Protein backbone atom coordinates (compact mmCIF):
# COMPACT_ATOMS: atom_id res chain seq x y z
CA UNK A 1 235.73 202.37 -63.88
CA UNK A 2 235.64 206.15 -63.60
CA UNK A 3 235.52 208.26 -66.77
CA UNK A 4 236.27 211.97 -66.68
CA UNK A 5 237.39 214.77 -68.98
CA UNK A 6 241.16 215.17 -68.78
CA UNK A 7 243.72 217.84 -69.52
CA UNK A 8 246.88 215.90 -68.64
CA UNK A 9 247.48 213.69 -71.68
CA UNK A 10 250.84 212.12 -70.83
CA UNK A 11 249.40 209.18 -68.82
CA UNK A 12 247.08 208.40 -71.77
CA UNK A 13 249.55 208.85 -74.62
CA UNK A 14 250.23 205.12 -75.17
CA UNK A 15 246.49 204.47 -75.23
CA UNK A 16 245.92 207.23 -77.81
CA UNK A 17 248.63 205.66 -79.99
CA UNK A 18 247.04 202.23 -79.54
CA UNK A 19 244.03 203.49 -81.50
CA UNK A 20 245.97 205.73 -83.90
CA UNK A 21 249.68 205.01 -84.49
CA UNK A 22 250.45 208.48 -85.89
CA UNK A 23 251.59 210.93 -83.18
CA UNK A 24 251.16 213.76 -85.71
CA UNK A 25 247.54 212.91 -86.48
CA UNK A 26 246.74 212.42 -82.79
CA UNK A 27 248.27 215.82 -81.96
CA UNK A 28 246.29 217.45 -84.77
CA UNK A 29 242.88 216.41 -83.44
CA UNK A 30 243.75 216.78 -79.77
CA UNK A 31 243.98 220.54 -80.37
CA UNK A 32 240.26 220.76 -81.11
CA UNK A 33 239.04 217.72 -79.20
CA UNK A 34 237.59 216.93 -75.82
CA UNK A 35 239.54 214.11 -74.21
CA UNK A 36 238.10 211.67 -71.68
CA UNK A 37 240.06 209.14 -69.69
CA UNK A 38 238.97 205.95 -67.95
CA UNK A 39 240.61 204.97 -64.69
CA UNK A 40 240.54 201.76 -62.66
CA UNK A 41 242.37 201.69 -59.34
CA UNK A 42 244.17 204.92 -60.18
CA UNK A 43 245.52 203.50 -63.44
CA UNK A 44 244.59 204.94 -66.87
CA UNK A 45 242.95 202.09 -68.79
CA UNK A 46 240.97 203.84 -71.51
CA UNK A 47 240.62 207.03 -73.49
CA UNK A 48 238.44 208.65 -76.14
CA UNK A 49 238.45 211.93 -78.05
CA UNK A 50 235.41 213.79 -79.37
CA UNK A 51 235.79 216.49 -82.04
CA UNK A 52 233.06 218.83 -83.24
CA UNK A 53 232.72 218.66 -87.02
CA UNK A 54 230.55 221.76 -87.12
CA UNK A 55 226.98 222.54 -86.29
CA UNK A 56 225.78 219.59 -84.20
CA UNK A 57 227.82 216.79 -85.76
CA UNK A 58 230.63 215.23 -83.73
CA UNK A 59 233.27 212.61 -84.46
CA UNK A 60 234.71 210.01 -82.14
CA UNK A 61 238.32 210.37 -83.33
CA UNK A 62 240.00 207.94 -80.96
CA UNK A 63 238.85 205.29 -78.52
CA UNK A 64 241.09 202.74 -76.85
CA UNK A 65 241.19 200.34 -73.91
CA UNK A 66 244.42 199.01 -72.45
CA UNK A 67 245.05 195.53 -73.88
CA UNK A 68 244.84 193.90 -70.42
CA UNK A 69 241.27 195.22 -70.03
CA UNK A 70 239.97 194.38 -73.52
CA UNK A 71 237.18 191.84 -73.93
CA UNK A 72 235.72 192.60 -70.50
CA UNK A 73 233.05 195.17 -71.42
CA UNK A 74 235.13 198.26 -70.65
CA UNK A 75 235.28 199.26 -74.31
CA UNK A 76 231.50 199.06 -74.57
CA UNK A 77 231.17 201.17 -71.41
CA UNK A 78 233.59 203.74 -72.85
CA UNK A 79 231.67 203.83 -76.14
CA UNK A 80 228.36 204.30 -74.30
CA UNK A 81 229.94 207.13 -72.32
CA UNK A 82 231.16 208.81 -75.53
CA UNK A 83 227.66 208.57 -77.01
CA UNK A 84 226.15 210.06 -73.84
CA UNK A 85 228.73 212.85 -73.81
CA UNK A 86 228.06 213.68 -77.45
CA UNK A 87 224.33 213.93 -76.68
CA UNK A 88 225.06 216.18 -73.68
CA UNK A 89 227.12 218.42 -75.97
CA UNK A 90 224.05 218.81 -78.20
CA UNK A 91 225.13 216.50 -80.99
CA UNK A 92 222.55 215.28 -83.47
CA UNK A 93 224.99 212.69 -84.81
CA UNK A 94 228.22 210.95 -83.90
CA UNK A 95 230.56 209.60 -86.56
CA UNK A 96 233.48 207.21 -86.12
CA UNK A 97 236.06 205.94 -88.58
CA UNK A 98 237.80 202.58 -88.56
CA UNK A 99 239.71 200.47 -91.01
CA UNK A 100 237.31 198.86 -93.45
CA UNK A 101 239.24 195.63 -92.91
CA UNK A 102 238.65 195.76 -89.13
CA UNK A 103 235.82 193.24 -88.81
CA UNK A 104 235.83 193.26 -84.98
CA UNK A 105 235.79 197.04 -84.80
CA UNK A 106 232.98 197.40 -87.33
CA UNK A 107 230.90 194.86 -85.39
CA UNK A 108 231.68 196.72 -82.13
CA UNK A 109 230.25 199.97 -83.51
CA UNK A 110 227.31 198.37 -85.29
CA UNK A 111 226.26 196.64 -82.06
CA UNK A 112 226.04 200.11 -80.51
CA UNK A 113 223.70 201.29 -83.28
CA UNK A 114 226.16 202.88 -85.70
CA UNK A 115 225.36 202.48 -89.40
CA UNK A 116 227.85 202.38 -92.27
CA UNK A 117 227.93 205.84 -93.84
CA UNK A 118 230.85 206.22 -96.28
CA UNK A 119 234.32 205.03 -97.24
CA UNK A 120 237.42 207.18 -97.62
CA UNK A 121 239.40 205.14 -100.14
CA UNK A 122 243.16 205.08 -99.56
CA UNK A 123 242.94 206.95 -96.23
CA UNK A 124 245.64 204.91 -94.50
CA UNK A 125 247.98 205.01 -97.50
CA UNK A 126 247.65 208.82 -97.74
CA UNK A 127 247.93 209.59 -94.02
CA UNK A 128 250.52 207.18 -92.63
CA UNK A 129 254.19 206.89 -93.58
CA UNK A 130 254.38 203.26 -92.47
CA UNK A 131 251.86 200.53 -93.36
CA UNK A 132 249.12 200.13 -90.74
CA UNK A 133 248.19 196.54 -89.97
CA UNK A 134 245.12 195.25 -88.14
CA UNK A 135 245.45 191.60 -87.10
CA UNK A 136 248.02 191.21 -89.87
CA UNK A 137 245.78 192.77 -92.54
CA UNK A 138 246.95 195.92 -94.31
CA UNK A 139 244.62 198.87 -93.66
CA UNK A 140 243.90 200.85 -96.82
CA UNK A 141 240.39 202.37 -96.64
CA UNK A 142 238.65 204.15 -93.76
CA UNK A 143 235.04 203.13 -93.14
CA UNK A 144 232.95 205.79 -91.44
CA UNK A 145 229.97 204.76 -89.36
CA UNK A 146 227.36 207.16 -88.06
CA UNK A 147 224.92 207.19 -85.17
CA UNK A 148 222.05 209.67 -85.45
CA UNK A 149 220.21 210.84 -82.34
């Protein structure tokens, strides 16, 4: 798998929406983000977006792996790459948000060293017109996890 910074977003659009179903929210953070795409055999299979929060704090706003490639270690490789990139950019911390009901996602980040930092109550209700479901569970609160370097 090759991972590189990208400018052409169209081939990665479905992947971006896999991690965040709101085109408006995705567009809002793409304006200030650095976007990296993962390619296997010429096909886009993964994507992540890093956004500077100010000073030396960064946020991983979006990370996704094509469903056919999930569960094979590619997501972990993409997460490791995002952590390495944040460090190269001079970050002292990297934050990521996920649905507090997303048990698999929380475990994924905690296994990489992220620690639970805060909860934004009602985030999904406030920011999405349609209900957001994760494995059939309604997403209401955003759990932020943080990795400090």
